[in-house]
């Protein structure tokens, strides 16, 4: 199938899905019942056509090009994405300079492979890194504008997570890259998962009493670095269950610091290393050795037609001062061009 025809079909499918999104507003109108029925039939038909297209290997490149033709339609999301690219360029340069491997994962990996950059409606970047390498990077970042800061989630103590985030701590912009510090393990998958969930239970058993007796506050939002007392307590608890100076083994496991039952937790080291390079817009970035396998572990079929085309709303709360972010990015662009 020619690329032009496929993109035309893609645009028609988008139109069908856009119409489908408004059917909920019409559902209670008897006069529109037949229209809703027709919309549902058309959506099912277009899904079948798309499934037929992606099932044939010869269409793979054209399907990817069709995905890449999707554009972000939200100014706020575009602003967040622009700032994240600034962070990514600096993170990548620091890692390459110091021989620190990292890789795209989750939805960010999907964006690289399927869209050649961001998923148009996405507003974050998720990167995997080995825990030892993250500690090494933290040391390198001392006395620079960039730091790896620990944030804790807003669901204490049930699903408490310690989330390492790479950000510029000097410019007052609270937009960051999420880091996932993977651990090496010599255990088989069954035993490694037992160890993972044991650590999660131990974290709960230690943190829950501290919340109940108000030693640690029950926050409704993220806890940032200014809550030093609580952060010190939580970091000490997490550090107790963290193995440092790990030796490379045949397997790696998802960081116990994070809590996510939707992710595959256990990987062979050879699934990730050696890393491969792909383009994220104009930036060369790293992806897992078996990146298709990694995507298939997270998604039934990563080339499935998206169920909806909507921008994240989470990014809006990060844009407390849009003018400041725009001015900062302009200065960075001018500085880069003058080199």
C-alpha atoms as a PDB file:
ATOM      1  CA  UNK A   1       0.000   0.000   0.000  1.00  0.00           C
ATOM      2  CA  UNK A   2       1.360   3.431  -0.920  1.00  0.00           C
ATOM      3  CA  UNK A   3       2.369   5.729   1.921  1.00  0.00           C
ATOM      4  CA  UNK A   4       0.026   8.516   0.719  1.00  0.00           C
ATOM      5  CA  UNK A   5      -2.987   6.204   0.663  1.00  0.00           C
ATOM      6  CA  UNK A   6      -2.170   4.862   4.108  1.00  0.00           C
ATOM      7  CA  UNK A   7      -1.905   8.352   5.574  1.00  0.00           C
ATOM      8  CA  UNK A   8      -5.246   9.277   3.982  1.00  0.00           C
ATOM      9  CA  UNK A   9      -6.768   6.194   5.571  1.00  0.00           C
ATOM     10  CA  UNK A  10      -5.149   7.161   8.860  1.00  0.00           C
ATOM     11  CA  UNK A  11      -6.705  10.617   8.741  1.00  0.00           C
ATOM     12  CA  UNK A  12     -10.092   9.085   7.988  1.00  0.00           C
ATOM     13  CA  UNK A  13      -9.735   6.755  10.974  1.00  0.00           C
ATOM     14  CA  UNK A  14      -8.881   9.723  13.204  1.00  0.00           C
ATOM     15  CA  UNK A  15     -12.025  11.462  11.995  1.00  0.00           C
ATOM     16  CA  UNK A  16     -14.110   8.393  12.832  1.00  0.00           C
ATOM     17  CA  UNK A  17     -12.625   8.224  16.333  1.00  0.00           C
ATOM     18  CA  UNK A  18     -13.172  11.944  16.858  1.00  0.00           C
ATOM     19  CA  UNK A  19     -16.821  11.525  15.953  1.00  0.00           C
ATOM     20  CA  UNK A  20     -17.033   8.519  18.236  1.00  0.00           C
ATOM     21  CA  UNK A  21     -15.833  10.640  21.150  1.00  0.00           C
ATOM     22  CA  UNK A  22     -18.889  12.886  20.907  1.00  0.00           C
ATOM     23  CA  UNK A  23     -21.389  10.049  20.774  1.00  0.00           C
ATOM     24  CA  UNK A  24     -21.612  10.062  24.585  1.00  0.00           C
ATOM     25  CA  UNK A  25     -23.173  13.507  24.413  1.00  0.00           C
ATOM     26  CA  UNK A  26     -25.820  12.195  22.060  1.00  0.00           C
ATOM     27  CA  UNK A  27     -26.578   8.929  23.827  1.00  0.00           C
ATOM     28  CA  UNK A  28     -29.676  10.231  25.628  1.00  0.00           C
ATOM     29  CA  UNK A  29     -31.191  11.680  22.484  1.00  0.00           C
ATOM     30  CA  UNK A  30     -33.570   9.145  20.947  1.00  0.00           C
ATOM     31  CA  UNK A  31     -33.408  10.854  17.600  1.00  0.00           C
ATOM     32  CA  UNK A  32     -29.675  10.141  17.440  1.00  0.00           C
ATOM     33  CA  UNK A  33     -29.784   6.456  18.373  1.00  0.00           C
ATOM     34  CA  UNK A  34     -29.335   5.286  14.805  1.00  0.00           C
ATOM     35  CA  UNK A  35     -26.412   7.672  14.306  1.00  0.00           C
ATOM     36  CA  UNK A  36     -24.670   6.226  17.354  1.00  0.00           C
ATOM     37  CA  UNK A  37     -25.238   2.727  16.040  1.00  0.00           C
ATOM     38  CA  UNK A  38     -23.700   3.700  12.707  1.00  0.00           C
ATOM     39  CA  UNK A  39     -20.717   5.327  14.417  1.00  0.00           C
ATOM     40  CA  UNK A  40     -20.066   2.161  16.399  1.00  0.00           C
ATOM     41  CA  UNK A  41     -20.282   0.048  13.254  1.00  0.00           C
ATOM     42  CA  UNK A  42     -17.894   2.355  11.390  1.00  0.00           C
ATOM     43  CA  UNK A  43     -15.393   2.345  14.255  1.00  0.00           C
ATOM     44  CA  UNK A  44     -15.414  -1.449  14.359  1.00  0.00           C
ATOM     45  CA  UNK A  45     -14.971  -1.579  10.602  1.00  0.00           C
ATOM     46  CA  UNK A  46     -12.022   0.827  10.643  1.00  0.00           C
ATOM     47  CA  UNK A  47     -10.396  -1.096  13.473  1.00  0.00           C
ATOM     48  CA  UNK A  48     -10.638  -4.272  11.402  1.00  0.00           C
ATOM     49  CA  UNK A  49      -9.054  -2.513   8.421  1.00  0.00           C
ATOM     50  CA  UNK A  50      -6.219  -1.226  10.594  1.00  0.00           C
ATOM     51  CA  UNK A  51      -5.646  -4.664  12.127  1.00  0.00           C
ATOM     52  CA  UNK A  52      -5.450  -6.151   8.649  1.00  0.00           C
ATOM     53  CA  UNK A  53      -2.838  -3.554   7.681  1.00  0.00           C
ATOM     54  CA  UNK A  54      -0.550  -4.033  10.667  1.00  0.00           C
ATOM     55  CA  UNK A  55      -0.765  -7.833  10.403  1.00  0.00           C
ATOM     56  CA  UNK A  56       1.283  -7.755   7.183  1.00  0.00           C
ATOM     57  CA  UNK A  57       5.000  -7.205   7.621  1.00  0.00           C
ATOM     58  CA  UNK A  58       5.266  -5.437   4.265  1.00  0.00           C
ATOM     59  CA  UNK A  59       3.118  -2.595   5.644  1.00  0.00           C
ATOM     60  CA  UNK A  60       5.240  -2.071   8.783  1.00  0.00           C
ATOM     61  CA  UNK A  61       7.292   0.886   7.504  1.00  0.00           C
ATOM     62  CA  UNK A  62       4.242   2.641   6.082  1.00  0.00           C
ATOM     63  CA  UNK A  63       2.342   2.112   9.359  1.00  0.00           C
ATOM     64  CA  UNK A  64       5.227   3.662  11.313  1.00  0.00           C
ATOM     65  CA  UNK A  65       5.255   6.633   8.920  1.00  0.00           C
ATOM     66  CA  UNK A  66       1.525   7.058   9.498  1.00  0.00           C
ATOM     67  CA  UNK A  67       2.072   7.182  13.248  1.00  0.00           C
ATOM     68  CA  UNK A  68       4.840   9.745  12.769  1.00  0.00           C
ATOM     69  CA  UNK A  69       2.406  11.965  10.868  1.00  0.00           C
ATOM     70  CA  UNK A  70       0.406  12.525  14.067  1.00  0.00           C
ATOM     71  CA  UNK A  71       1.052  15.939  15.598  1.00  0.00           C
ATOM     72  CA  UNK A  72       0.474  17.348  19.078  1.00  0.00           C
ATOM     73  CA  UNK A  73      -2.422  19.820  19.152  1.00  0.00           C
ATOM     74  CA  UNK A  74      -1.896  21.233  22.652  1.00  0.00           C
ATOM     75  CA  UNK A  75       0.323  24.279  23.213  1.00  0.00           C
ATOM     76  CA  UNK A  76       0.820  23.309  26.868  1.00  0.00           C
ATOM     77  CA  UNK A  77       1.910  19.773  25.989  1.00  0.00           C
ATOM     78  CA  UNK A  78       4.274  21.102  23.317  1.00  0.00           C
ATOM     79  CA  UNK A  79       5.867  23.443  25.850  1.00  0.00           C
ATOM     80  CA  UNK A  80       6.429  20.587  28.315  1.00  0.00           C
ATOM     81  CA  UNK A  81       7.840  18.426  25.516  1.00  0.00           C
ATOM     82  CA  UNK A  82      10.226  21.209  24.448  1.00  0.00           C
ATOM     83  CA  UNK A  83      11.555  21.545  27.971  1.00  0.00           C
ATOM     84  CA  UNK A  84      11.868  17.758  28.354  1.00  0.00           C
ATOM     85  CA  UNK A  85      13.971  17.682  25.177  1.00  0.00           C
ATOM     86  CA  UNK A  86      16.281  20.254  26.749  1.00  0.00           C
ATOM     87  CA  UNK A  87      16.643  17.980  29.794  1.00  0.00           C
ATOM     88  CA  UNK A  88      17.119  14.905  27.610  1.00  0.00           C
ATOM     89  CA  UNK A  89      19.922  16.511  25.571  1.00  0.00           C
ATOM     90  CA  UNK A  90      21.805  17.379  28.752  1.00  0.00           C
ATOM     91  CA  UNK A  91      21.164  13.989  30.342  1.00  0.00           C
ATOM     92  CA  UNK A  92      22.330  12.173  27.210  1.00  0.00           C
ATOM     93  CA  UNK A  93      25.478  14.303  26.932  1.00  0.00           C
ATOM     94  CA  UNK A  94      26.372  13.700  30.586  1.00  0.00           C
ATOM     95  CA  UNK A  95      25.821   9.945  30.268  1.00  0.00           C
ATOM     96  CA  UNK A  96      27.833   9.615  27.048  1.00  0.00           C
ATOM     97  CA  UNK A  97      30.684  11.713  28.427  1.00  0.00           C
ATOM     98  CA  UNK A  98      30.904   9.512  31.530  1.00  0.00           C
ATOM     99  CA  UNK A  99      30.131   6.162  29.881  1.00  0.00           C
ATOM    100  CA  UNK A 100      26.857   5.692  31.766  1.00  0.00           C
ATOM    101  CA  UNK A 101      24.315   3.534  29.912  1.00  0.00           C
ATOM    102  CA  UNK A 102      20.607   4.372  29.986  1.00  0.00           C
ATOM    103  CA  UNK A 103      17.640   3.346  27.888  1.00  0.00           C
ATOM    104  CA  UNK A 104      14.143   4.462  26.973  1.00  0.00           C
ATOM    105  CA  UNK A 105      11.358   2.395  28.494  1.00  0.00           C
ATOM    106  CA  UNK A 106       7.557   2.141  28.752  1.00  0.00           C
ATOM    107  CA  UNK A 107       5.541   4.764  26.906  1.00  0.00           C
ATOM    108  CA  UNK A 108       8.681   6.741  26.107  1.00  0.00           C
ATOM    109  CA  UNK A 109      10.137   3.710  24.305  1.00  0.00           C
ATOM    110  CA  UNK A 110       6.848   3.365  22.449  1.00  0.00           C
ATOM    111  CA  UNK A 111       7.213   6.988  21.359  1.00  0.00           C
ATOM    112  CA  UNK A 112      10.744   6.414  20.017  1.00  0.00           C
ATOM    113  CA  UNK A 113       9.859   3.265  18.080  1.00  0.00           C
ATOM    114  CA  UNK A 114       6.399   4.209  16.840  1.00  0.00           C
ATOM    115  CA  UNK A 115       6.582   7.995  16.514  1.00  0.00           C
ATOM    116  CA  UNK A 116      10.293   8.768  16.301  1.00  0.00           C
ATOM    117  CA  UNK A 117       9.968  10.999  19.371  1.00  0.00           C
ATOM    118  CA  UNK A 118       7.175  11.808  21.779  1.00  0.00           C
ATOM    119  CA  UNK A 119       3.800  10.153  21.557  1.00  0.00           C
ATOM    120  CA  UNK A 120       2.040  13.368  20.462  1.00  0.00           C
ATOM    121  CA  UNK A 121      -0.166  13.544  23.546  1.00  0.00           C
ATOM    122  CA  UNK A 122       2.523  12.440  26.033  1.00  0.00           C
ATOM    123  CA  UNK A 123       4.149  14.761  28.563  1.00  0.00           C
ATOM    124  CA  UNK A 124       6.911  12.795  30.266  1.00  0.00           C
ATOM    125  CA  UNK A 125      10.076  10.774  29.630  1.00  0.00           C
ATOM    126  CA  UNK A 126      10.848   7.486  31.392  1.00  0.00           C
ATOM    127  CA  UNK A 127      14.429   6.204  31.340  1.00  0.00           C
ATOM    128  CA  UNK A 128      15.906   2.995  32.694  1.00  0.00           C
ATOM    129  CA  UNK A 129      19.347   3.004  34.294  1.00  0.00           C
ATOM    130  CA  UNK A 130      21.244   0.491  36.427  1.00  0.00           C
ATOM    131  CA  UNK A 131      21.252   1.518  40.081  1.00  0.00           C
ATOM    132  CA  UNK A 132      25.045   1.623  40.389  1.00  0.00           C
ATOM    133  CA  UNK A 133      25.188   3.903  37.355  1.00  0.00           C
ATOM    134  CA  UNK A 134      22.558   6.215  38.823  1.00  0.00           C
ATOM    135  CA  UNK A 135      24.604   6.584  42.009  1.00  0.00           C
ATOM    136  CA  UNK A 136      27.669   7.336  39.910  1.00  0.00           C
ATOM    137  CA  UNK A 137      25.740   9.969  37.967  1.00  0.00           C
ATOM    138  CA  UNK A 138      24.553  11.550  41.217  1.00  0.00           C
ATOM    139  CA  UNK A 139      28.180  12.058  42.236  1.00  0.00           C
ATOM    140  CA  UNK A 140      29.047  13.540  38.838  1.00  0.00           C
ATOM    141  CA  UNK A 141      26.153  16.002  39.075  1.00  0.00           C
ATOM    142  CA  UNK A 142      27.291  17.523  42.363  1.00  0.00           C
ATOM    143  CA  UNK A 143      27.934  21.256  42.033  1.00  0.00           C
ATOM    144  CA  UNK A 144      26.105  21.418  38.677  1.00  0.00           C
ATOM    145  CA  UNK A 145      22.734  22.852  37.706  1.00  0.00           C
ATOM    146  CA  UNK A 146      21.372  19.326  37.359  1.00  0.00           C
ATOM    147  CA  UNK A 147      20.559  16.915  40.156  1.00  0.00           C
ATOM    148  CA  UNK A 148      18.771  13.620  40.714  1.00  0.00           C
ATOM    149  CA  UNK A 149      16.118  14.398  43.310  1.00  0.00           C
ATOM    150  CA  UNK A 150      13.962  11.841  45.123  1.00  0.00           C
ATOM    151  CA  UNK A 151      10.245  12.519  45.101  1.00  0.00           C
ATOM    152  CA  UNK A 152       7.740  10.405  47.025  1.00  0.00           C
ATOM    153  CA  UNK A 153       4.233   9.633  45.884  1.00  0.00           C
ATOM    154  CA  UNK A 154       0.925  10.836  47.288  1.00  0.00           C
ATOM    155  CA  UNK A 155      -0.490   7.529  48.519  1.00  0.00           C
ATOM    156  CA  UNK A 156       1.339   6.988  51.798  1.00  0.00           C
ATOM    157  CA  UNK A 157       1.827   4.360  52.972  1.00  0.00           C
ATOM    158  CA  UNK A 158      -0.043   1.856  50.764  1.00  0.00           C
ATOM    159  CA  UNK A 159       1.886   2.227  47.522  1.00  0.00           C
ATOM    160  CA  UNK A 160       4.776   4.356  48.698  1.00  0.00           C
ATOM    161  CA  UNK A 161       7.297   4.950  45.913  1.00  0.00           C
ATOM    162  CA  UNK A 162      10.643   6.699  45.848  1.00  0.00           C
ATOM    163  CA  UNK A 163      10.934   8.247  42.428  1.00  0.00           C
ATOM    164  CA  UNK A 164      14.378   9.477  41.261  1.00  0.00           C
ATOM    165  CA  UNK A 165      14.007  12.427  38.907  1.00  0.00           C
ATOM    166  CA  UNK A 166      16.550  14.307  36.821  1.00  0.00           C
ATOM    167  CA  UNK A 167      15.959  18.053  36.725  1.00  0.00           C
ATOM    168  CA  UNK A 168      17.572  21.447  36.645  1.00  0.00           C
ATOM    169  CA  UNK A 169      17.438  22.602  40.260  1.00  0.00           C
ATOM    170  CA  UNK A 170      18.679  26.136  39.570  1.00  0.00           C
ATOM    171  CA  UNK A 171      16.079  27.545  37.155  1.00  0.00           C
ATOM    172  CA  UNK A 172      12.903  27.101  39.232  1.00  0.00           C
ATOM    173  CA  UNK A 173      11.189  24.913  36.631  1.00  0.00           C
ATOM    174  CA  UNK A 174       9.705  21.771  38.153  1.00  0.00           C
ATOM    175  CA  UNK A 175       9.669  19.562  35.048  1.00  0.00           C
ATOM    176  CA  UNK A 176      11.755  16.417  35.196  1.00  0.00           C
ATOM    177  CA  UNK A 177      12.751  13.092  33.634  1.00  0.00           C
ATOM    178  CA  UNK A 178      11.716   9.963  35.549  1.00  0.00           C
ATOM    179  CA  UNK A 179      14.546   7.514  36.243  1.00  0.00           C
ATOM    180  CA  UNK A 180      14.008   3.810  36.956  1.00  0.00           C
ATOM    181  CA  UNK A 181      17.070   2.310  38.719  1.00  0.00           C
ATOM    182  CA  UNK A 182      17.073  -1.389  37.783  1.00  0.00           C
ATOM    183  CA  UNK A 183      18.869  -3.951  39.940  1.00  0.00           C
ATOM    184  CA  UNK A 184      20.941  -6.965  38.995  1.00  0.00           C
ATOM    185  CA  UNK A 185      19.790 -10.286  40.450  1.00  0.00           C
ATOM    186  CA  UNK A 186      21.178 -13.794  40.441  1.00  0.00           C
ATOM    187  CA  UNK A 187      17.794 -15.255  41.365  1.00  0.00           C
ATOM    188  CA  UNK A 188      15.469 -17.015  38.952  1.00  0.00           C
ATOM    189  CA  UNK A 189      12.304 -15.148  38.057  1.00  0.00           C
ATOM    190  CA  UNK A 190      10.133 -16.844  40.695  1.00  0.00           C
ATOM    191  CA  UNK A 191      12.561 -16.134  43.539  1.00  0.00           C
ATOM    192  CA  UNK A 192      13.372 -12.619  42.311  1.00  0.00           C
ATOM    193  CA  UNK A 193       9.688 -11.697  42.323  1.00  0.00           C
ATOM    194  CA  UNK A 194       9.340 -13.081  45.850  1.00  0.00           C
ATOM    195  CA  UNK A 195      12.215 -10.851  46.928  1.00  0.00           C
ATOM    196  CA  UNK A 196      10.677  -7.850  45.162  1.00  0.00           C
ATOM    197  CA  UNK A 197       7.294  -8.218  46.885  1.00  0.00           C
ATOM    198  CA  UNK A 198       8.950  -8.989  50.217  1.00  0.00           C
ATOM    199  CA  UNK A 199      10.729  -5.620  50.045  1.00  0.00           C
ATOM    200  CA  UNK A 200       7.471  -3.901  49.170  1.00  0.00           C
ATOM    201  CA  UNK A 201       5.770  -5.464  52.229  1.00  0.00           C
ATOM    202  CA  UNK A 202       8.701  -4.508  54.474  1.00  0.00           C
ATOM    203  CA  UNK A 203       8.478  -0.913  53.282  1.00  0.00           C
ATOM    204  CA  UNK A 204       4.796  -0.849  54.170  1.00  0.00           C
ATOM    205  CA  UNK A 205       5.380  -2.423  57.587  1.00  0.00           C
ATOM    206  CA  UNK A 206       7.962   0.229  58.451  1.00  0.00           C
ATOM    207  CA  UNK A 207       6.276   3.272  56.967  1.00  0.00           C
ATOM    208  CA  UNK A 208       2.656   2.614  57.954  1.00  0.00           C
ATOM    209  CA  UNK A 209       3.205   3.085  61.724  1.00  0.00           C
ATOM    210  CA  UNK A 210       5.120   6.302  61.078  1.00  0.00           C
ATOM    211  CA  UNK A 211       2.152   7.695  59.165  1.00  0.00           C
ATOM    212  CA  UNK A 212      -0.376   6.522  61.752  1.00  0.00           C
ATOM    213  CA  UNK A 213       1.469   8.149  64.657  1.00  0.00           C
ATOM    214  CA  UNK A 214       2.101  11.298  62.569  1.00  0.00           C
ATOM    215  CA  UNK A 215       5.886  10.948  62.563  1.00  0.00           C
ATOM    216  CA  UNK A 216       5.491  11.319  58.797  1.00  0.00           C
ATOM    217  CA  UNK A 217       2.707  13.480  57.395  1.00  0.00           C
ATOM    218  CA  UNK A 218       0.078  11.973  55.101  1.00  0.00           C
ATOM    219  CA  UNK A 219       0.631  14.167  52.076  1.00  0.00           C
ATOM    220  CA  UNK A 220      -1.995  14.746  49.417  1.00  0.00           C
ATOM    221  CA  UNK A 221       0.642  15.660  46.849  1.00  0.00           C
ATOM    222  CA  UNK A 222       4.230  14.834  46.071  1.00  0.00           C
ATOM    223  CA  UNK A 223       6.750  15.419  48.827  1.00  0.00           C
ATOM    224  CA  UNK A 224       9.579  17.567  47.596  1.00  0.00           C
ATOM    225  CA  UNK A 225      13.042  18.250  48.891  1.00  0.00           C
ATOM    226  CA  UNK A 226      11.920  21.056  51.206  1.00  0.00           C
ATOM    227  CA  UNK A 227      10.231  18.543  53.528  1.00  0.00           C
ATOM    228  CA  UNK A 228      13.669  17.537  54.799  1.00  0.00           C
ATOM    229  CA  UNK A 229      12.656  15.700  57.985  1.00  0.00           C
ATOM    230  CA  UNK A 230      10.217  13.356  56.288  1.00  0.00           C
ATOM    231  CA  UNK A 231      12.521  12.816  53.323  1.00  0.00           C
ATOM    232  CA  UNK A 232      15.445  11.886  55.538  1.00  0.00           C
ATOM    233  CA  UNK A 233      13.341   9.291  57.351  1.00  0.00           C
ATOM    234  CA  UNK A 234      11.965   7.780  54.153  1.00  0.00           C
ATOM    235  CA  UNK A 235      15.326   7.726  52.370  1.00  0.00           C
ATOM    236  CA  UNK A 236      16.923   5.876  55.288  1.00  0.00           C
ATOM    237  CA  UNK A 237      14.151   3.249  55.162  1.00  0.00           C
ATOM    238  CA  UNK A 238      14.478   2.772  51.400  1.00  0.00           C
ATOM    239  CA  UNK A 239      18.276   2.649  51.606  1.00  0.00           C
ATOM    240  CA  UNK A 240      18.065  -0.288  54.048  1.00  0.00           C
ATOM    241  CA  UNK A 241      16.618  -2.455  51.265  1.00  0.00           C
ATOM    242  CA  UNK A 242      18.874  -1.149  48.511  1.00  0.00           C
ATOM    243  CA  UNK A 243      21.866  -3.209  47.409  1.00  0.00           C
ATOM    244  CA  UNK A 244      24.825  -1.030  46.484  1.00  0.00           C
ATOM    245  CA  UNK A 245      27.953  -1.949  44.509  1.00  0.00           C
ATOM    246  CA  UNK A 246      26.071  -4.577  42.554  1.00  0.00           C
ATOM    247  CA  UNK A 247      27.897  -7.001  40.277  1.00  0.00           C
ATOM    248  CA  UNK A 248      26.516  -7.578  36.776  1.00  0.00           C
ATOM    249  CA  UNK A 249      24.537 -10.816  36.531  1.00  0.00           C
ATOM    250  CA  UNK A 250      22.459 -12.597  33.904  1.00  0.00           C
ATOM    251  CA  UNK A 251      19.185 -11.007  35.047  1.00  0.00           C
ATOM    252  CA  UNK A 252      17.809  -7.635  36.099  1.00  0.00           C
ATOM    253  CA  UNK A 253      14.655  -6.652  37.934  1.00  0.00           C
ATOM    254  CA  UNK A 254      12.387  -3.618  37.978  1.00  0.00           C
ATOM    255  CA  UNK A 255      13.232  -1.183  40.817  1.00  0.00           C
ATOM    256  CA  UNK A 256      11.444  -1.970  44.070  1.00  0.00           C
ATOM    257  CA  UNK A 257      11.398   1.797  44.727  1.00  0.00           C
ATOM    258  CA  UNK A 258       8.601   2.097  42.178  1.00  0.00           C
ATOM    259  CA  UNK A 259       5.255   0.341  42.401  1.00  0.00           C
ATOM    260  CA  UNK A 260       3.600  -0.640  39.151  1.00  0.00           C
ATOM    261  CA  UNK A 261       1.684  -3.880  38.703  1.00  0.00           C
ATOM    262  CA  UNK A 262       1.217  -3.198  34.959  1.00  0.00           C
ATOM    263  CA  UNK A 263       4.917  -3.591  34.139  1.00  0.00           C
ATOM    264  CA  UNK A 264       6.920  -6.713  33.504  1.00  0.00           C
ATOM    265  CA  UNK A 265       9.337  -6.890  36.430  1.00  0.00           C
ATOM    266  CA  UNK A 266      11.984  -9.408  35.363  1.00  0.00           C
ATOM    267  CA  UNK A 267      14.341  -9.295  32.384  1.00  0.00           C
ATOM    268  CA  UNK A 268      17.377 -11.083  31.110  1.00  0.00           C
ATOM    269  CA  UNK A 269      20.353  -8.758  31.023  1.00  0.00           C
ATOM    270  CA  UNK A 270      20.704  -9.629  27.330  1.00  0.00           C
ATOM    271  CA  UNK A 271      17.189  -8.201  26.764  1.00  0.00           C
ATOM    272  CA  UNK A 272      18.623  -4.789  27.606  1.00  0.00           C
ATOM    273  CA  UNK A 273      22.340  -4.929  26.789  1.00  0.00           C
ATOM    274  CA  UNK A 274      24.062  -4.168  24.512  1.00  0.00           C
ATOM    275  CA  UNK A 275      21.977  -1.063  23.932  1.00  0.00           C
ATOM    276  CA  UNK A 276      20.929   0.103  20.482  1.00  0.00           C
ATOM    277  CA  UNK A 277      20.602   3.650  19.180  1.00  0.00           C
ATOM    278  CA  UNK A 278      17.511   5.223  17.656  1.00  0.00           C
ATOM    279  CA  UNK A 279      16.383   8.751  16.876  1.00  0.00           C
ATOM    280  CA  UNK A 280      14.258  10.769  19.277  1.00  0.00           C
ATOM    281  CA  UNK A 281      13.464  13.677  16.972  1.00  0.00           C
ATOM    282  CA  UNK A 282      16.991  15.033  16.343  1.00  0.00           C
ATOM    283  CA  UNK A 283      18.626  13.334  19.348  1.00  0.00           C
ATOM    284  CA  UNK A 284      20.404   9.967  19.224  1.00  0.00           C
ATOM    285  CA  UNK A 285      19.185   7.966  22.215  1.00  0.00           C
ATOM    286  CA  UNK A 286      19.508   4.440  23.583  1.00  0.00           C
ATOM    287  CA  UNK A 287      16.882   1.702  23.564  1.00  0.00           C
ATOM    288  CA  UNK A 288      17.044  -1.892  24.888  1.00  0.00           C
ATOM    289  CA  UNK A 289      18.743  -4.531  22.783  1.00  0.00           C
ATOM    290  CA  UNK A 290      15.403  -6.367  22.472  1.00  0.00           C
ATOM    291  CA  UNK A 291      13.225  -3.264  22.262  1.00  0.00           C
ATOM    292  CA  UNK A 292      10.405  -5.020  20.418  1.00  0.00           C
ATOM    293  CA  UNK A 293      10.266  -7.624  23.189  1.00  0.00           C
ATOM    294  CA  UNK A 294      10.223  -4.841  25.770  1.00  0.00           C
ATOM    295  CA  UNK A 295       7.246  -3.229  24.026  1.00  0.00           C
ATOM    296  CA  UNK A 296       5.409  -6.521  23.664  1.00  0.00           C
ATOM    297  CA  UNK A 297       5.807  -7.058  27.410  1.00  0.00           C
ATOM    298  CA  UNK A 298       3.943  -3.799  28.041  1.00  0.00           C
ATOM    299  CA  UNK A 299       1.446  -3.702  25.181  1.00  0.00           C
ATOM    300  CA  UNK A 300      -0.664  -6.362  23.471  1.00  0.00           C
ATOM    301  CA  UNK A 301       0.300  -4.852  20.123  1.00  0.00           C
ATOM    302  CA  UNK A 302       2.180  -1.586  20.122  1.00  0.00           C
ATOM    303  CA  UNK A 303       1.001  -0.836  16.572  1.00  0.00           C
ATOM    304  CA  UNK A 304      -2.668  -1.036  17.554  1.00  0.00           C
ATOM    305  CA  UNK A 305      -4.684   2.012  16.637  1.00  0.00           C
ATOM    306  CA  UNK A 306      -4.916   4.321  19.709  1.00  0.00           C
ATOM    307  CA  UNK A 307      -8.283   4.177  21.445  1.00  0.00           C
ATOM    308  CA  UNK A 308      -8.316   7.954  21.823  1.00  0.00           C
ATOM    309  CA  UNK A 309      -6.354  11.043  20.841  1.00  0.00           C
ATOM    310  CA  UNK A 310      -6.178  13.152  23.972  1.00  0.00           C
ATOM    311  CA  UNK A 311      -3.469  15.203  25.629  1.00  0.00           C
ATOM    312  CA  UNK A 312      -2.448  14.492  29.203  1.00  0.00           C
ATOM    313  CA  UNK A 313      -3.826  16.962  31.705  1.00  0.00           C
ATOM    314  CA  UNK A 314      -0.988  16.300  34.167  1.00  0.00           C
ATOM    315  CA  UNK A 315       1.370  18.606  32.307  1.00  0.00           C
ATOM    316  CA  UNK A 316      -0.795  21.651  32.957  1.00  0.00           C
ATOM    317  CA  UNK A 317       0.021  21.678  36.680  1.00  0.00           C
ATOM    318  CA  UNK A 318       3.724  21.800  35.790  1.00  0.00           C
ATOM    319  CA  UNK A 319       3.276  25.026  33.849  1.00  0.00           C
ATOM    320  CA  UNK A 320       3.113  27.445  36.735  1.00  0.00           C
ATOM    321  CA  UNK A 321       4.999  30.083  34.758  1.00  0.00           C
ATOM    322  CA  UNK A 322       4.807  29.523  31.013  1.00  0.00           C
ATOM    323  CA  UNK A 323       6.564  32.792  30.190  1.00  0.00           C
ATOM    324  CA  UNK A 324       9.525  31.846  32.369  1.00  0.00           C
ATOM    325  CA  UNK A 325       9.834  28.451  30.641  1.00  0.00           C
ATOM    326  CA  UNK A 326       9.635  30.012  27.173  1.00  0.00           C
ATOM    327  CA  UNK A 327      12.274  32.625  28.033  1.00  0.00           C
ATOM    328  CA  UNK A 328      14.554  29.967  29.487  1.00  0.00           C
ATOM    329  CA  UNK A 329      14.273  27.761  26.380  1.00  0.00           C
ATOM    330  CA  UNK A 330      14.924  30.763  24.139  1.00  0.00           C
ATOM    331  CA  UNK A 331      18.089  31.608  26.094  1.00  0.00           C
ATOM    332  CA  UNK A 332      19.261  27.997  25.864  1.00  0.00           C
ATOM    333  CA  UNK A 333      18.623  27.932  22.118  1.00  0.00           C
ATOM    334  CA  UNK A 334      20.522  31.194  21.633  1.00  0.00           C
ATOM    335  CA  UNK A 335      23.405  29.924  23.758  1.00  0.00           C
ATOM    336  CA  UNK A 336      23.563  26.645  21.793  1.00  0.00           C
ATOM    337  CA  UNK A 337      23.540  28.460  18.438  1.00  0.00           C
ATOM    338  CA  UNK A 338      26.374  30.740  19.517  1.00  0.00           C
ATOM    339  CA  UNK A 339      28.753  27.837  20.207  1.00  0.00           C
END
